[in-house]
Amino acid sequence: MTPREMLLCAGFSLALPVGQAMFKWAAVHHGRQSGTLVAKLAGNWPLMTALAWYGLTAIFWFYILTRVPLSKAYPFALAGTGLIPVVAWLLFKEPLGWRMAAGYVLMLAGLAVIQSQSA
């Protein structure tokens, strides 16, 4: 992978936990609303923002896949997924244990191994 391709993939991996944090924010907002489900969904602007973010992220992923093989790009998505518990811990004070941290270190090591293979 070229440095530019790696940067694109890294950007996508960072977009994933941002989107998940936005969905969590929308869920918290939903719990504070009253009314019917339809009214709560329609009035949940954090949810609409999260959906828009995921739409843009999907377009970004499509753009990446026009330039990078899926087998090379997808491990970056896994790395981004691994960041979600850290974001949940930082923003929402959700628990984060040593096992989760150790698992994420192993995921990053696996990403390094995958990316080091010859083309």
N, C-alpha and C. Protein backbone atom coordinates (compact mmCIF):
# COMPACT_ATOMS: atom_id res chain seq x y z
N MET A 1 0.84 -1.18 0.00
CA MET A 1 0.00 0.00 0.00
C MET A 1 0.89 1.25 0.00
N THR A 2 0.43 2.22 -0.72
CA THR A 2 1.15 3.49 -0.73
C THR A 2 0.83 4.25 0.57
N PRO A 3 1.67 5.22 0.92
CA PRO A 3 1.36 6.03 2.11
C PRO A 3 -0.01 6.72 2.00
N ARG A 4 -0.36 7.18 0.81
CA ARG A 4 -1.67 7.83 0.61
C ARG A 4 -2.81 6.84 0.87
N GLU A 5 -2.68 5.63 0.36
CA GLU A 5 -3.71 4.61 0.59
C GLU A 5 -3.83 4.27 2.08
N MET A 6 -2.69 4.18 2.75
CA MET A 6 -2.71 3.90 4.18
C MET A 6 -3.38 5.04 4.94
N LEU A 7 -3.13 6.26 4.52
CA LEU A 7 -3.74 7.42 5.16
C LEU A 7 -5.26 7.42 4.95
N LEU A 8 -5.70 7.09 3.75
CA LEU A 8 -7.14 6.97 3.49
C LEU A 8 -7.77 5.92 4.39
N CYS A 9 -7.15 4.76 4.47
CA CYS A 9 -7.68 3.68 5.29
C CYS A 9 -7.67 4.05 6.78
N ALA A 10 -6.63 4.73 7.21
CA ALA A 10 -6.57 5.16 8.61
C ALA A 10 -7.67 6.18 8.89
N GLY A 11 -7.93 7.06 7.95
CA GLY A 11 -9.02 8.02 8.12
C GLY A 11 -10.36 7.33 8.28
N PHE A 12 -10.56 6.28 7.49
CA PHE A 12 -11.80 5.52 7.61
C PHE A 12 -11.88 4.84 8.97
N SER A 13 -10.75 4.30 9.43
CA SER A 13 -10.77 3.61 10.72
C SER A 13 -11.08 4.57 11.86
N LEU A 14 -10.75 5.83 11.71
CA LEU A 14 -11.09 6.83 12.73
C LEU A 14 -12.53 7.31 12.59
N ALA A 15 -13.07 7.24 11.38
CA ALA A 15 -14.47 7.66 11.17
C ALA A 15 -15.45 6.70 11.84
N LEU A 16 -15.08 5.43 11.96
CA LEU A 16 -15.99 4.45 12.55
C LEU A 16 -16.31 4.74 14.02
N PRO A 17 -15.31 4.92 14.88
CA PRO A 17 -15.68 5.20 16.28
C PRO A 17 -16.39 6.55 16.45
N VAL A 18 -16.10 7.50 15.59
CA VAL A 18 -16.82 8.78 15.64
C VAL A 18 -18.31 8.52 15.39
N GLY A 19 -18.61 7.73 14.37
CA GLY A 19 -20.00 7.40 14.06
C GLY A 19 -20.69 6.65 15.18
N GLN A 20 -19.99 5.71 15.79
CA GLN A 20 -20.60 4.96 16.88
C GLN A 20 -20.86 5.85 18.09
N ALA A 21 -19.95 6.79 18.35
CA ALA A 21 -20.17 7.75 19.45
C ALA A 21 -21.38 8.61 19.14
N MET A 22 -21.55 8.97 17.89
CA MET A 22 -22.72 9.77 17.50
C MET A 22 -24.01 8.98 17.71
N PHE A 23 -24.00 7.69 17.40
CA PHE A 23 -25.19 6.87 17.62
C PHE A 23 -25.48 6.72 19.11
N LYS A 24 -24.44 6.58 19.93
CA LYS A 24 -24.65 6.49 21.38
C LYS A 24 -25.24 7.80 21.90
N TRP A 25 -24.72 8.91 21.41
CA TRP A 25 -25.24 10.22 21.79
C TRP A 25 -26.72 10.31 21.41
N ALA A 26 -27.07 9.82 20.24
CA ALA A 26 -28.46 9.82 19.79
C ALA A 26 -29.32 8.95 20.70
N ALA A 27 -28.78 7.82 21.15
CA ALA A 27 -29.53 6.93 22.04
C ALA A 27 -29.78 7.60 23.39
N VAL A 28 -28.78 8.31 23.90
CA VAL A 28 -28.95 9.04 25.15
C VAL A 28 -30.01 10.12 24.98
N HIS A 29 -29.93 10.84 23.87
CA HIS A 29 -30.91 11.88 23.58
C HIS A 29 -32.32 11.28 23.47
N HIS A 30 -32.43 10.14 22.83
CA HIS A 30 -33.72 9.45 22.66
C HIS A 30 -34.35 9.15 24.03
N GLY A 31 -33.51 8.71 24.97
CA GLY A 31 -34.02 8.38 26.30
C GLY A 31 -34.56 9.58 27.06
N ARG A 32 -34.13 10.77 26.69
CA ARG A 32 -34.58 11.98 27.36
C ARG A 32 -35.83 12.60 26.73
N GLN A 33 -36.23 12.06 25.58
CA GLN A 33 -37.39 12.60 24.87
C GLN A 33 -38.67 11.93 25.35
N SER A 34 -39.78 12.62 25.12
CA SER A 34 -41.08 12.03 25.41
C SER A 34 -41.91 12.05 24.13
N GLY A 35 -42.95 11.27 24.10
CA GLY A 35 -43.82 11.21 22.93
C GLY A 35 -43.78 9.85 22.29
N THR A 36 -44.41 9.76 21.14
CA THR A 36 -44.46 8.49 20.42
C THR A 36 -43.09 8.18 19.82
N LEU A 37 -42.88 6.94 19.46
CA LEU A 37 -41.61 6.53 18.87
C LEU A 37 -41.32 7.33 17.61
N VAL A 38 -42.31 7.48 16.76
CA VAL A 38 -42.12 8.22 15.50
C VAL A 38 -41.72 9.66 15.79
N ALA A 39 -42.40 10.29 16.75
CA ALA A 39 -42.07 11.68 17.09
C ALA A 39 -40.67 11.78 17.69
N LYS A 40 -40.30 10.79 18.52
CA LYS A 40 -38.98 10.80 19.13
C LYS A 40 -37.88 10.62 18.08
N LEU A 41 -38.13 9.75 17.12
CA LEU A 41 -37.15 9.54 16.05
C LEU A 41 -37.03 10.77 15.16
N ALA A 42 -38.16 11.34 14.79
CA ALA A 42 -38.16 12.52 13.92
C ALA A 42 -37.50 13.72 14.58
N GLY A 43 -37.64 13.82 15.90
CA GLY A 43 -37.06 14.94 16.62
C GLY A 43 -35.68 14.69 17.18
N ASN A 44 -35.11 13.56 16.85
CA ASN A 44 -33.79 13.21 17.38
C ASN A 44 -32.71 13.68 16.42
N TRP A 45 -32.32 14.95 16.53
CA TRP A 45 -31.33 15.50 15.61
C TRP A 45 -29.96 14.84 15.75
N PRO A 46 -29.54 14.33 16.94
CA PRO A 46 -28.27 13.59 16.96
C PRO A 46 -28.34 12.31 16.11
N LEU A 47 -29.52 11.68 16.06
CA LEU A 47 -29.67 10.49 15.22
C LEU A 47 -29.56 10.85 13.75
N MET A 48 -30.19 11.94 13.34
CA MET A 48 -30.10 12.37 11.94
C MET A 48 -28.66 12.71 11.57
N THR A 49 -27.94 13.32 12.50
CA THR A 49 -26.53 13.64 12.27
C THR A 49 -25.71 12.36 12.12
N ALA A 50 -25.98 11.39 12.98
CA ALA A 50 -25.25 10.12 12.92
C ALA A 50 -25.53 9.39 11.60
N LEU A 51 -26.78 9.40 11.17
CA LEU A 51 -27.12 8.75 9.90
C LEU A 51 -26.43 9.45 8.73
N ALA A 52 -26.38 10.77 8.77
CA ALA A 52 -25.67 11.52 7.71
C ALA A 52 -24.19 11.19 7.73
N TRP A 53 -23.62 11.09 8.92
CA TRP A 53 -22.20 10.74 9.05
C TRP A 53 -21.94 9.37 8.42
N TYR A 54 -22.81 8.41 8.72
CA TYR A 54 -22.61 7.08 8.16
C TYR A 54 -22.80 7.05 6.65
N GLY A 55 -23.69 7.88 6.15
CA GLY A 55 -23.83 7.99 4.70
C GLY A 55 -22.53 8.50 4.06
N LEU A 56 -21.96 9.54 4.64
CA LEU A 56 -20.69 10.07 4.13
C LEU A 56 -19.56 9.05 4.29
N THR A 57 -19.58 8.36 5.41
CA THR A 57 -18.55 7.34 5.65
C THR A 57 -18.65 6.20 4.64
N ALA A 58 -19.87 5.82 4.27
CA ALA A 58 -20.06 4.77 3.26
C ALA A 58 -19.52 5.22 1.91
N ILE A 59 -19.75 6.47 1.56
CA ILE A 59 -19.20 7.00 0.29
C ILE A 59 -17.68 7.01 0.35
N PHE A 60 -17.14 7.41 1.50
CA PHE A 60 -15.68 7.40 1.68
C PHE A 60 -15.13 5.98 1.54
N TRP A 61 -15.79 4.99 2.13
CA TRP A 61 -15.37 3.59 2.01
C TRP A 61 -15.39 3.13 0.55
N PHE A 62 -16.44 3.50 -0.16
CA PHE A 62 -16.53 3.17 -1.58
C PHE A 62 -15.34 3.77 -2.33
N TYR A 63 -15.04 5.02 -2.06
CA TYR A 63 -13.90 5.69 -2.70
C TYR A 63 -12.60 4.94 -2.40
N ILE A 64 -12.42 4.54 -1.16
CA ILE A 64 -11.21 3.80 -0.79
C ILE A 64 -11.13 2.49 -1.57
N LEU A 65 -12.26 1.79 -1.67
CA LEU A 65 -12.25 0.48 -2.34
C LEU A 65 -12.04 0.58 -3.84
N THR A 66 -12.20 1.77 -4.42
CA THR A 66 -11.86 1.93 -5.83
C THR A 66 -10.35 2.03 -6.03
N ARG A 67 -9.62 2.19 -4.93
CA ARG A 67 -8.17 2.38 -5.01
C ARG A 67 -7.36 1.32 -4.27
N VAL A 68 -7.97 0.68 -3.28
CA VAL A 68 -7.25 -0.24 -2.41
C VAL A 68 -7.98 -1.58 -2.41
N PRO A 69 -7.25 -2.69 -2.52
CA PRO A 69 -7.91 -4.00 -2.44
C PRO A 69 -8.63 -4.17 -1.09
N LEU A 70 -9.79 -4.77 -1.12
CA LEU A 70 -10.57 -4.99 0.10
C LEU A 70 -9.75 -5.74 1.15
N SER A 71 -8.98 -6.72 0.72
CA SER A 71 -8.19 -7.51 1.66
C SER A 71 -7.15 -6.66 2.39
N LYS A 72 -6.72 -5.56 1.80
CA LYS A 72 -5.78 -4.65 2.44
C LYS A 72 -6.49 -3.56 3.24
N ALA A 73 -7.64 -3.13 2.78
CA ALA A 73 -8.35 -2.02 3.43
C ALA A 73 -9.12 -2.48 4.66
N TYR A 74 -9.72 -3.65 4.61
CA TYR A 74 -10.62 -4.07 5.68
C TYR A 74 -9.96 -4.20 7.05
N PRO A 75 -8.72 -4.66 7.14
CA PRO A 75 -8.11 -4.69 8.47
C PRO A 75 -8.08 -3.33 9.17
N PHE A 76 -8.03 -2.25 8.39
CA PHE A 76 -8.10 -0.92 9.00
C PHE A 76 -9.48 -0.68 9.62
N ALA A 77 -10.52 -1.22 8.98
CA ALA A 77 -11.86 -1.10 9.55
C ALA A 77 -11.93 -1.84 10.89
N LEU A 78 -11.26 -2.98 10.96
CA LEU A 78 -11.23 -3.72 12.22
C LEU A 78 -10.49 -2.91 13.30
N ALA A 79 -9.43 -2.24 12.89
CA ALA A 79 -8.69 -1.41 13.85
C ALA A 79 -9.59 -0.29 14.37
N GLY A 80 -10.38 0.30 13.50
CA GLY A 80 -11.31 1.35 13.92
C GLY A 80 -12.38 0.81 14.84
N THR A 81 -12.85 -0.39 14.56
CA THR A 81 -13.84 -1.02 15.41
C THR A 81 -13.27 -1.25 16.80
N GLY A 82 -12.01 -1.60 16.86
CA GLY A 82 -11.35 -1.80 18.15
C GLY A 82 -11.23 -0.53 18.98
N LEU A 83 -11.27 0.61 18.32
CA LEU A 83 -11.20 1.88 19.04
C LEU A 83 -12.51 2.26 19.73
N ILE A 84 -13.60 1.65 19.32
CA ILE A 84 -14.91 2.03 19.84
C ILE A 84 -15.00 1.88 21.36
N PRO A 85 -14.50 0.79 21.97
CA PRO A 85 -14.55 0.73 23.44
C PRO A 85 -13.75 1.85 24.12
N VAL A 86 -12.66 2.27 23.52
CA VAL A 86 -11.86 3.36 24.09
C VAL A 86 -12.67 4.67 24.04
N VAL A 87 -13.32 4.91 22.91
CA VAL A 87 -14.16 6.11 22.77
C VAL A 87 -15.32 6.05 23.78
N ALA A 88 -15.92 4.88 23.94
CA ALA A 88 -17.02 4.72 24.90
C ALA A 88 -16.54 4.99 26.32
N TRP A 89 -15.34 4.56 26.62
CA TRP A 89 -14.76 4.80 27.95
C TRP A 89 -14.50 6.29 28.16
N LEU A 90 -13.92 6.94 27.15
CA LEU A 90 -13.58 8.36 27.27
C LEU A 90 -14.82 9.26 27.33
N LEU A 91 -15.77 9.03 26.43
CA LEU A 91 -16.91 9.94 26.33
C LEU A 91 -18.09 9.59 27.23
N PHE A 92 -18.32 8.30 27.42
CA PHE A 92 -19.53 7.88 28.12
C PHE A 92 -19.24 7.16 29.44
N LYS A 93 -17.96 7.13 29.82
CA LYS A 93 -17.54 6.52 31.10
C LYS A 93 -17.94 5.05 31.21
N GLU A 94 -17.97 4.36 30.07
CA GLU A 94 -18.25 2.94 30.08
C GLU A 94 -16.99 2.18 30.52
N PRO A 95 -17.15 1.01 31.12
CA PRO A 95 -15.97 0.29 31.62
C PRO A 95 -15.04 -0.16 30.50
N LEU A 96 -13.76 -0.15 30.80
CA LEU A 96 -12.73 -0.61 29.86
C LEU A 96 -11.70 -1.38 30.68
N GLY A 97 -11.68 -2.68 30.52
CA GLY A 97 -10.78 -3.53 31.30
C GLY A 97 -9.47 -3.82 30.58
N TRP A 98 -8.57 -4.44 31.29
CA TRP A 98 -7.26 -4.75 30.72
C TRP A 98 -7.38 -5.78 29.61
N ARG A 99 -8.34 -6.67 29.68
CA ARG A 99 -8.51 -7.68 28.63
C ARG A 99 -8.88 -7.04 27.30
N MET A 100 -9.75 -6.03 27.37
CA MET A 100 -10.13 -5.32 26.15
C MET A 100 -8.91 -4.59 25.57
N ALA A 101 -8.14 -3.97 26.44
CA ALA A 101 -6.94 -3.26 25.99
C ALA A 101 -5.94 -4.25 25.38
N ALA A 102 -5.76 -5.39 26.01
CA ALA A 102 -4.84 -6.40 25.49
C ALA A 102 -5.32 -6.93 24.14
N GLY A 103 -6.62 -7.14 24.02
CA GLY A 103 -7.17 -7.60 22.75
C GLY A 103 -6.95 -6.60 21.64
N TYR A 104 -7.09 -5.31 21.97
CA TYR A 104 -6.87 -4.28 20.96
C TYR A 104 -5.41 -4.24 20.53
N VAL A 105 -4.49 -4.41 21.46
CA VAL A 105 -3.07 -4.46 21.11
C VAL A 105 -2.81 -5.64 20.17
N LEU A 106 -3.44 -6.76 20.43
CA LEU A 106 -3.29 -7.92 19.54
C LEU A 106 -3.87 -7.63 18.15
N MET A 107 -4.99 -6.91 18.10
CA MET A 107 -5.57 -6.54 16.80
C MET A 107 -4.60 -5.66 16.01
N LEU A 108 -4.00 -4.68 16.69
CA LEU A 108 -3.04 -3.80 16.02
C LEU A 108 -1.81 -4.58 15.55
N ALA A 109 -1.37 -5.54 16.34
CA ALA A 109 -0.25 -6.37 15.92
C ALA A 109 -0.63 -7.17 14.68
N GLY A 110 -1.85 -7.69 14.65
CA GLY A 110 -2.32 -8.42 13.47
C GLY A 110 -2.38 -7.52 12.25
N LEU A 111 -2.83 -6.28 12.43
CA LEU A 111 -2.85 -5.32 11.32
C LEU A 111 -1.44 -5.09 10.79
N ALA A 112 -0.48 -4.96 11.68
CA ALA A 112 0.91 -4.76 11.25
C ALA A 112 1.41 -5.96 10.46
N VAL A 113 1.06 -7.16 10.89
CA VAL A 113 1.48 -8.36 10.18
C VAL A 113 0.84 -8.42 8.79
N ILE A 114 -0.45 -8.13 8.72
CA ILE A 114 -1.17 -8.16 7.44
C ILE A 114 -0.58 -7.14 6.47
N GLN A 115 -0.32 -5.95 6.95
CA GLN A 115 0.18 -4.89 6.07
C GLN A 115 1.63 -5.11 5.66
N SER A 116 2.37 -5.92 6.40
CA SER A 116 3.78 -6.14 6.07
C SER A 116 3.97 -7.23 5.02
N GLN A 117 2.92 -7.97 4.66
CA GLN A 117 3.06 -9.03 3.67
C GLN A 117 3.37 -8.45 2.29
N SER A 118 4.04 -9.19 1.48
CA SER A 118 4.39 -8.69 0.16
C SER A 118 3.14 -8.60 -0.72
N ALA A 119 3.18 -7.66 -1.66
CA ALA A 119 2.04 -7.45 -2.57
C ALA A 119 1.92 -8.60 -3.44
